N, C-alpha and C. Protein backbone atom coordinates (compact mmCIF):
# COMPACT_ATOMS: atom_id res chain seq x y z
N MET A 1 159.15 74.63 128.61
CA MET A 1 157.80 74.03 129.12
C MET A 1 157.59 74.42 130.39
N ASN A 2 156.72 74.09 131.02
CA ASN A 2 155.89 75.08 131.87
C ASN A 2 155.32 73.71 132.74
N TYR A 3 156.15 73.62 134.28
CA TYR A 3 155.74 72.56 135.31
C TYR A 3 155.03 73.00 135.69
N CYS A 4 154.12 72.67 136.59
CA CYS A 4 153.15 73.14 137.78
C CYS A 4 151.94 72.70 138.28
N LYS A 5 151.54 72.88 139.58
CA LYS A 5 149.84 72.01 139.73
C LYS A 5 148.89 72.25 139.10
N ALA A 6 148.42 71.16 138.92
CA ALA A 6 146.85 70.65 137.88
C ALA A 6 145.81 71.39 139.02
N SER A 7 144.87 72.34 138.45
CA SER A 7 143.31 72.50 139.48
C SER A 7 142.77 71.96 138.09
N LEU A 8 141.28 71.75 138.96
CA LEU A 8 140.41 71.76 138.57
C LEU A 8 139.80 71.75 137.23
N LEU A 9 140.23 73.26 136.58
CA LEU A 9 140.12 74.17 135.30
C LEU A 9 140.90 72.55 134.29
N ASP A 10 141.92 71.80 134.94
CA ASP A 10 142.63 71.26 133.46
C ASP A 10 141.72 69.35 133.82
N LEU A 11 140.78 69.46 133.98
CA LEU A 11 140.10 67.89 134.45
C LEU A 11 139.69 67.33 133.08
N LEU A 12 138.89 67.85 132.04
CA LEU A 12 139.35 67.64 131.16
C LEU A 12 140.54 67.37 130.44
N ALA A 13 141.47 68.16 130.53
CA ALA A 13 142.40 67.84 129.49
C ALA A 13 143.11 66.91 130.20
N ILE A 14 143.30 66.24 131.31
CA ILE A 14 143.95 65.44 132.05
C ILE A 14 143.19 64.38 131.85
N GLU A 15 141.76 64.31 131.66
CA GLU A 15 141.20 62.92 130.95
C GLU A 15 141.53 62.67 129.84
N GLN A 16 141.36 63.46 128.74
CA GLN A 16 142.23 63.43 127.66
C GLN A 16 143.48 62.74 127.43
N LEU A 17 144.43 63.15 128.10
CA LEU A 17 145.58 62.84 127.84
C LEU A 17 145.69 61.47 128.83
N GLU A 18 144.98 61.09 129.86
CA GLU A 18 145.00 60.11 129.99
C GLU A 18 144.59 58.66 129.20
N LYS A 19 143.62 59.07 128.77
CA LYS A 19 143.19 58.23 127.36
C LYS A 19 144.01 58.16 126.08
N ASP A 20 144.98 59.32 126.05
CA ASP A 20 145.48 59.62 124.97
C ASP A 20 147.13 58.32 125.37
N CYS A 21 147.26 58.28 126.54
CA CYS A 21 148.80 57.88 127.28
C CYS A 21 148.08 56.09 127.33
N PHE A 22 147.27 56.15 128.12
CA PHE A 22 146.76 54.56 128.62
C PHE A 22 145.63 54.60 127.84
N PRO A 23 145.68 53.97 126.66
CA PRO A 23 143.77 53.69 126.27
C PRO A 23 143.32 52.46 126.80
N THR A 24 144.01 51.53 127.54
CA THR A 24 142.79 51.06 128.17
C THR A 24 142.89 50.92 130.22
N GLU A 25 143.75 51.77 130.16
CA GLU A 25 143.74 51.28 131.94
C GLU A 25 143.71 53.26 132.67
N ALA A 26 143.31 54.09 131.45
CA ALA A 26 142.80 55.51 131.74
C ALA A 26 142.12 55.39 132.61
N PHE A 27 142.73 56.31 134.18
CA PHE A 27 141.99 57.46 135.20
C PHE A 27 140.12 57.68 134.27
N ASN A 28 139.35 57.70 135.11
CA ASN A 28 138.11 58.12 134.65
C ASN A 28 138.23 59.44 135.51
N ARG A 29 137.44 60.36 135.16
CA ARG A 29 136.73 61.79 135.35
C ARG A 29 136.62 61.37 136.72
N ARG A 30 135.86 60.60 137.27
CA ARG A 30 135.74 60.65 138.55
C ARG A 30 136.79 61.27 139.51
N LEU A 31 137.30 59.99 139.25
CA LEU A 31 138.75 59.52 140.15
C LEU A 31 139.68 61.31 139.65
N ILE A 32 139.74 61.44 138.49
CA ILE A 32 140.96 62.51 138.37
C ILE A 32 140.41 63.45 139.04
N LYS A 33 139.05 63.99 139.46
CA LYS A 33 138.51 64.88 140.52
C LYS A 33 138.54 64.63 141.22
N ASN A 34 138.85 63.91 141.47
CA ASN A 34 139.33 63.09 142.88
C ASN A 34 140.71 63.34 143.88
N LEU A 35 141.56 63.29 142.73
CA LEU A 35 142.88 63.17 143.20
C LEU A 35 143.29 64.84 142.64
N LEU A 36 142.40 65.75 142.13
CA LEU A 36 142.70 67.06 141.99
C LEU A 36 142.62 67.32 143.19
N ILE A 37 140.86 67.40 143.98
CA ILE A 37 140.75 67.95 145.31
C ILE A 37 141.55 67.79 146.35
N ASN A 38 141.85 66.21 146.60
CA ASN A 38 141.78 65.38 147.61
C ASN A 38 143.91 66.10 148.24
N THR A 39 143.66 66.35 149.09
CA THR A 39 144.58 66.99 150.13
C THR A 39 146.06 66.24 149.74
N LYS A 40 145.56 64.76 149.98
CA LYS A 40 146.89 63.64 149.78
C LYS A 40 148.02 63.73 148.46
N SER A 41 147.13 64.43 147.54
CA SER A 41 147.18 63.69 146.64
C SER A 41 147.99 65.22 145.60
N PHE A 42 148.81 64.74 144.45
CA PHE A 42 148.91 66.34 143.69
C PHE A 42 148.96 65.43 141.94
N ILE A 43 148.64 66.68 141.25
CA ILE A 43 149.05 66.40 140.14
C ILE A 43 150.17 67.62 139.23
N ILE A 44 151.26 67.40 138.76
CA ILE A 44 151.44 67.81 138.45
C ILE A 44 151.93 68.26 136.61
N LYS A 45 151.20 69.15 136.28
CA LYS A 45 151.46 68.84 134.50
C LYS A 45 152.59 69.60 133.95
N ALA A 46 152.76 69.40 132.76
CA ALA A 46 153.50 70.07 131.64
C ALA A 46 153.55 70.76 130.63
N THR A 47 153.27 72.06 130.40
CA THR A 47 152.62 72.25 129.19
C THR A 47 153.26 73.30 128.61
N GLU A 48 152.84 73.02 127.02
CA GLU A 48 153.67 74.25 126.34
C GLU A 48 153.20 75.40 126.95
N PRO A 49 154.01 76.83 126.01
CA PRO A 49 153.71 77.95 126.19
C PRO A 49 152.37 78.02 125.70
N THR A 50 152.24 77.43 124.89
CA THR A 50 150.57 77.73 124.31
C THR A 50 149.61 77.49 125.02
N GLY A 51 149.70 76.54 126.87
CA GLY A 51 149.40 76.36 127.80
C GLY A 51 148.65 74.47 127.42
N GLU A 52 148.30 73.97 126.36
CA GLU A 52 148.41 72.83 126.18
C GLU A 52 148.98 71.78 127.25
N ILE A 53 148.64 70.83 127.74
CA ILE A 53 149.20 70.49 128.66
C ILE A 53 149.59 68.75 127.71
N ILE A 54 150.57 68.48 127.60
CA ILE A 54 151.61 67.53 126.81
C ILE A 54 151.95 66.16 128.07
N GLY A 55 151.79 66.43 128.99
CA GLY A 55 152.25 65.24 130.00
C GLY A 55 151.81 65.71 131.60
N ASN A 56 151.68 64.91 132.77
CA ASN A 56 151.19 65.20 133.90
C ASN A 56 152.04 63.89 134.50
N ILE A 57 151.74 64.28 135.53
CA ILE A 57 152.39 62.80 136.85
C ILE A 57 151.15 63.13 138.39
N ILE A 58 150.67 61.55 138.50
CA ILE A 58 150.17 61.94 139.73
C ILE A 58 150.72 61.33 140.91
N GLY A 59 150.54 61.86 142.32
CA GLY A 59 151.30 61.43 143.29
C GLY A 59 150.64 61.55 144.37
N ILE A 60 150.64 60.37 145.27
CA ILE A 60 149.65 60.58 146.41
C ILE A 60 150.06 60.07 147.58
N ILE A 61 150.05 60.70 149.05
CA ILE A 61 150.64 60.43 149.88
C ILE A 61 149.86 59.55 151.06
N LYS A 62 150.79 58.05 151.05
CA LYS A 62 149.65 57.59 151.91
C LYS A 62 150.46 56.56 153.26
N LYS A 63 149.67 56.28 153.96
CA LYS A 63 150.18 55.30 155.51
C LYS A 63 150.04 54.33 155.26
N GLU A 64 151.32 54.17 155.58
CA GLU A 64 151.89 52.19 155.38
C GLU A 64 152.55 52.38 156.59
N ASN A 65 152.10 50.82 157.21
CA ASN A 65 152.86 51.03 158.76
C ASN A 65 153.52 51.69 159.92
N SER A 66 151.76 53.13 159.64
CA SER A 66 152.71 53.86 160.80
C SER A 66 153.32 55.27 160.15
N THR A 67 153.91 54.96 158.99
CA THR A 67 154.88 55.73 157.93
C THR A 67 154.08 56.21 156.85
N SER A 68 154.35 57.80 156.12
CA SER A 68 154.22 58.08 155.62
C SER A 68 155.04 57.71 154.19
N LEU A 69 154.35 57.32 152.92
CA LEU A 69 155.30 57.28 151.72
C LEU A 69 154.55 57.65 151.06
N GLY A 70 155.40 58.14 149.91
CA GLY A 70 154.62 58.53 148.57
C GLY A 70 154.79 57.74 147.09
N ARG A 71 153.45 58.14 146.79
CA ARG A 71 152.98 57.16 145.41
C ARG A 71 153.34 57.34 144.37
N ILE A 72 153.98 57.40 143.54
CA ILE A 72 153.59 57.68 141.92
C ILE A 72 152.79 56.68 141.17
N PHE A 73 151.36 57.69 140.95
CA PHE A 73 150.21 56.83 140.58
C PHE A 73 149.91 56.58 139.27
N SER A 74 150.55 58.02 138.40
CA SER A 74 150.60 58.07 137.02
C SER A 74 151.65 58.38 136.50
N LEU A 75 152.73 58.13 135.38
CA LEU A 75 153.00 59.42 134.86
C LEU A 75 152.83 59.44 133.62
N CYS A 76 152.21 60.24 132.38
CA CYS A 76 151.73 60.62 131.12
C CYS A 76 152.52 61.71 130.11
N VAL A 77 153.51 61.02 129.47
CA VAL A 77 153.86 61.89 128.92
C VAL A 77 153.45 61.58 126.76
N LEU A 78 152.61 62.50 126.31
CA LEU A 78 152.29 62.54 124.90
C LEU A 78 153.46 62.01 123.89
N ASP A 79 153.32 61.00 122.99
CA ASP A 79 153.99 60.37 121.78
C ASP A 79 155.02 61.37 121.79
N ASP A 80 154.25 62.97 121.27
CA ASP A 80 155.49 63.13 120.45
C ASP A 80 155.98 64.03 120.50
N HIS A 81 156.10 63.73 122.18
CA HIS A 81 157.04 64.81 123.02
C HIS A 81 158.05 64.11 123.93
N ARG A 82 157.81 62.70 123.74
CA ARG A 82 159.28 61.47 124.33
C ARG A 82 160.21 62.31 124.24
N LYS A 83 160.99 61.15 125.11
CA LYS A 83 162.61 61.51 124.20
C LYS A 83 163.09 62.89 125.43
N ASN A 84 162.23 64.24 125.47
CA ASN A 84 162.65 65.42 125.70
C ASN A 84 163.01 65.71 126.69
N GLY A 85 163.33 64.95 128.04
CA GLY A 85 163.35 64.79 129.66
C GLY A 85 162.46 65.62 130.28
N ILE A 86 160.91 65.56 129.53
CA ILE A 86 159.66 65.78 130.33
C ILE A 86 159.32 64.82 130.89
N ALA A 87 159.50 63.47 131.17
CA ALA A 87 158.95 62.92 132.20
C ALA A 87 159.61 62.73 133.13
N THR A 88 161.38 62.86 132.04
CA THR A 88 162.10 63.18 133.85
C THR A 88 162.00 64.54 135.03
N SER A 89 161.95 65.63 134.51
CA SER A 89 161.06 66.53 135.15
C SER A 89 160.10 66.55 135.74
N LEU A 90 159.08 66.26 135.65
CA LEU A 90 158.17 65.45 136.51
C LEU A 90 158.37 64.98 137.36
N VAL A 91 158.96 63.82 137.41
CA VAL A 91 159.30 63.05 138.79
C VAL A 91 160.05 63.64 139.65
N GLN A 92 160.94 64.58 138.92
CA GLN A 92 161.86 65.51 139.66
C GLN A 92 160.99 66.50 140.59
N HIS A 93 159.84 67.28 140.01
CA HIS A 93 158.93 68.13 140.49
C HIS A 93 158.14 67.41 141.32
N LEU A 94 158.04 65.92 141.44
CA LEU A 94 156.84 65.41 142.11
C LEU A 94 157.56 64.94 143.42
N GLU A 95 159.07 64.65 142.98
CA GLU A 95 159.94 64.42 144.29
C GLU A 95 160.02 65.68 145.50
N GLU A 96 160.09 66.54 144.39
CA GLU A 96 160.54 68.17 145.52
C GLU A 96 159.38 67.91 146.05
N GLU A 97 157.66 67.62 145.87
CA GLU A 97 156.83 67.79 146.24
C GLU A 97 156.44 67.01 147.45
N PHE A 98 157.07 65.71 147.24
CA PHE A 98 157.19 65.06 148.38
C PHE A 98 157.75 65.36 149.82
N TYR A 99 159.33 65.59 149.29
CA TYR A 99 160.13 65.73 150.23
C TYR A 99 159.92 67.34 150.90
N VAL A 100 159.77 68.09 150.63
CA VAL A 100 159.03 69.22 151.01
C VAL A 100 157.69 69.11 152.53
N ARG A 101 156.80 68.06 151.92
CA ARG A 101 156.51 67.24 152.88
C ARG A 101 156.85 66.50 153.46
N GLY A 102 157.66 66.02 153.75
CA GLY A 102 158.37 65.67 154.69
C GLY A 102 158.68 63.63 154.72
N ILE A 103 158.40 63.48 153.09
CA ILE A 103 158.00 61.97 153.08
C ILE A 103 159.36 61.39 152.03
N LYS A 104 159.78 60.30 152.58
CA LYS A 104 161.36 60.10 152.72
C LYS A 104 161.24 59.07 151.51
N LYS A 105 160.22 58.26 151.45
CA LYS A 105 160.22 56.81 150.67
C LYS A 105 158.87 57.32 149.60
N ILE A 106 159.56 56.43 148.57
CA ILE A 106 158.23 56.56 147.25
C ILE A 106 158.40 55.11 146.70
N ARG A 107 157.04 54.68 146.14
CA ARG A 107 156.57 53.79 145.91
C ARG A 107 156.37 53.56 144.56
N LEU A 108 156.43 52.74 143.69
CA LEU A 108 155.59 52.64 142.22
C LEU A 108 155.64 51.37 141.88
N GLU A 109 154.10 51.02 140.72
CA GLU A 109 154.04 50.21 140.35
C GLU A 109 154.40 50.50 139.14
N VAL A 110 154.74 49.38 138.26
CA VAL A 110 155.37 49.05 137.00
C VAL A 110 154.70 47.69 135.92
N SER A 111 154.25 47.86 134.78
CA SER A 111 154.09 46.56 134.06
C SER A 111 155.43 45.87 134.07
N THR A 112 155.63 44.22 134.35
CA THR A 112 156.59 43.73 134.26
C THR A 112 156.70 43.37 132.73
N HIS A 113 155.66 43.78 132.00
CA HIS A 113 156.32 44.10 130.58
C HIS A 113 156.77 45.15 129.98
N ASN A 114 156.70 46.27 130.77
CA ASN A 114 157.27 47.47 130.03
C ASN A 114 158.63 47.99 130.95
N ASN A 115 159.51 47.27 129.64
CA ASN A 115 160.61 47.26 130.30
C ASN A 115 161.28 49.24 130.05
N ILE A 116 160.78 49.68 128.56
CA ILE A 116 161.22 50.76 128.66
C ILE A 116 160.64 51.66 130.28
N ALA A 117 159.89 51.50 130.63
CA ALA A 117 159.19 52.21 131.79
C ALA A 117 160.26 51.97 132.92
N ARG A 118 160.07 50.48 133.10
CA ARG A 118 161.61 50.33 134.34
C ARG A 118 162.74 50.65 134.32
N ILE A 119 163.78 50.65 133.43
CA ILE A 119 164.84 51.14 132.68
C ILE A 119 164.63 52.79 133.09
N PHE A 120 163.97 53.46 132.79
CA PHE A 120 163.30 55.08 133.12
C PHE A 120 163.23 55.38 134.34
N TYR A 121 162.61 54.85 135.28
CA TYR A 121 162.59 54.64 136.47
C TYR A 121 164.15 54.20 137.70
N GLU A 122 164.85 53.47 136.95
CA GLU A 122 166.12 53.04 137.57
C GLU A 122 166.89 54.10 137.06
N ARG A 123 167.14 54.50 135.86
CA ARG A 123 167.86 55.97 135.66
C ARG A 123 167.58 56.56 136.89
N GLN A 124 166.47 56.93 136.99
CA GLN A 124 165.74 58.33 138.14
C GLN A 124 166.27 57.77 139.96
N GLY A 125 167.04 56.64 139.80
CA GLY A 125 167.59 55.86 141.42
C GLY A 125 165.99 55.27 141.76
N TYR A 126 165.34 55.00 140.79
CA TYR A 126 164.52 53.75 141.68
C TYR A 126 164.94 51.97 141.35
N GLN A 127 164.60 50.89 142.33
CA GLN A 127 165.24 50.12 142.69
C GLN A 127 163.80 48.83 142.64
N ALA A 128 163.91 47.89 142.27
CA ALA A 128 162.74 46.80 141.75
C ALA A 128 163.06 45.93 142.87
N THR A 129 161.66 46.17 143.51
CA THR A 129 161.44 45.14 144.76
C THR A 129 161.40 43.49 144.53
N THR A 130 160.88 42.69 145.06
CA THR A 130 160.71 41.05 144.77
C THR A 130 158.88 41.12 145.01
N THR A 131 158.61 42.60 145.25
CA THR A 131 156.81 42.37 145.49
C THR A 131 156.50 43.01 143.58
N ILE A 132 156.03 41.45 143.58
CA ILE A 132 154.60 41.35 142.29
C ILE A 132 153.43 41.58 142.76
N PHE A 133 152.82 42.34 141.82
CA PHE A 133 151.10 41.93 141.92
C PHE A 133 150.64 41.61 140.44
N ARG A 134 150.58 40.07 141.12
CA ARG A 134 149.10 39.70 139.88
C ARG A 134 148.32 40.39 139.54
N ASP A 135 148.30 40.23 138.05
CA ASP A 135 146.73 40.83 137.37
C ASP A 135 146.38 41.98 137.82
N TYR A 136 147.46 42.81 137.86
CA TYR A 136 147.26 44.27 138.38
C TYR A 136 146.47 44.59 137.39
N TYR A 137 146.83 44.60 136.16
CA TYR A 137 146.25 45.53 134.92
C TYR A 137 144.97 45.02 134.55
N HIS A 138 144.61 45.67 133.97
CA HIS A 138 143.16 44.75 133.13
C HIS A 138 143.26 44.02 132.27
N ASP A 139 144.65 43.89 131.74
CA ASP A 139 144.29 42.89 130.62
C ASP A 139 145.74 41.69 131.76
N GLY A 140 145.61 41.81 132.80
CA GLY A 140 146.04 40.53 133.13
C GLY A 140 147.11 40.45 133.67
N THR A 141 147.86 41.85 132.91
CA THR A 141 149.74 41.59 133.41
C THR A 141 149.62 41.77 134.81
N ALA A 142 150.77 41.51 135.36
CA ALA A 142 151.46 41.95 136.51
C ALA A 142 152.18 43.02 136.79
N ALA A 143 152.13 43.66 137.69
CA ALA A 143 153.04 44.82 138.21
C ALA A 143 154.30 44.66 139.27
N MET A 144 155.50 45.15 138.93
CA MET A 144 156.36 45.04 140.03
C MET A 144 156.65 46.49 140.64
N VAL A 145 156.83 46.23 141.70
CA VAL A 145 156.97 47.58 142.70
C VAL A 145 158.15 47.97 142.63
N MET A 146 158.51 49.12 142.77
CA MET A 146 159.69 49.78 142.66
C MET A 146 159.74 51.15 143.78
N ARG A 147 160.86 51.47 144.42
CA ARG A 147 161.08 52.39 145.30
C ARG A 147 162.48 53.00 144.99
N LYS A 148 161.94 54.07 145.85
CA LYS A 148 163.35 55.18 146.01
C LYS A 148 163.32 55.90 147.05
N ASP A 149 164.38 55.67 148.56
CA ASP A 149 164.66 56.72 149.10
C ASP A 149 165.41 57.91 149.24
N LEU A 150 164.58 59.20 149.49
CA LEU A 150 164.50 60.26 149.29
C LEU A 150 165.62 60.43 150.34
N SER A 151 166.71 61.20 149.47
CA SER A 151 167.89 61.48 150.84
C SER A 151 167.73 63.39 151.23
């Protein structure tokens, strides 16, 4: 497995990956393109030796109360490749990107109905907060905020 930053050449493949992982919540091509060219965001891809992208993670650096923090915006791995440590490696690579840039706090949102994702993030050291965003997803599902302090 290879992990590296995605480029504009990966735009269509990442768009398809988003559609495969999140049929109702997939990011559109325009948003993905903006994320790929924005200096405050990173898309790290996981590729097979053939070059096929089988997973990615999107992170953004945000300013909040005059402090920079990292945000995991999206994480997806194709079904056939799950349970192989790819998501864990993607999270670790993104955390390294944040750390190198001096980011010490990371935040993410996860569906209140997605226990698998919540448990996954807890295993990565993320903690649930009391913050809940109602009607966060297109289907009206709420999202809980999780956070992690990098040491």
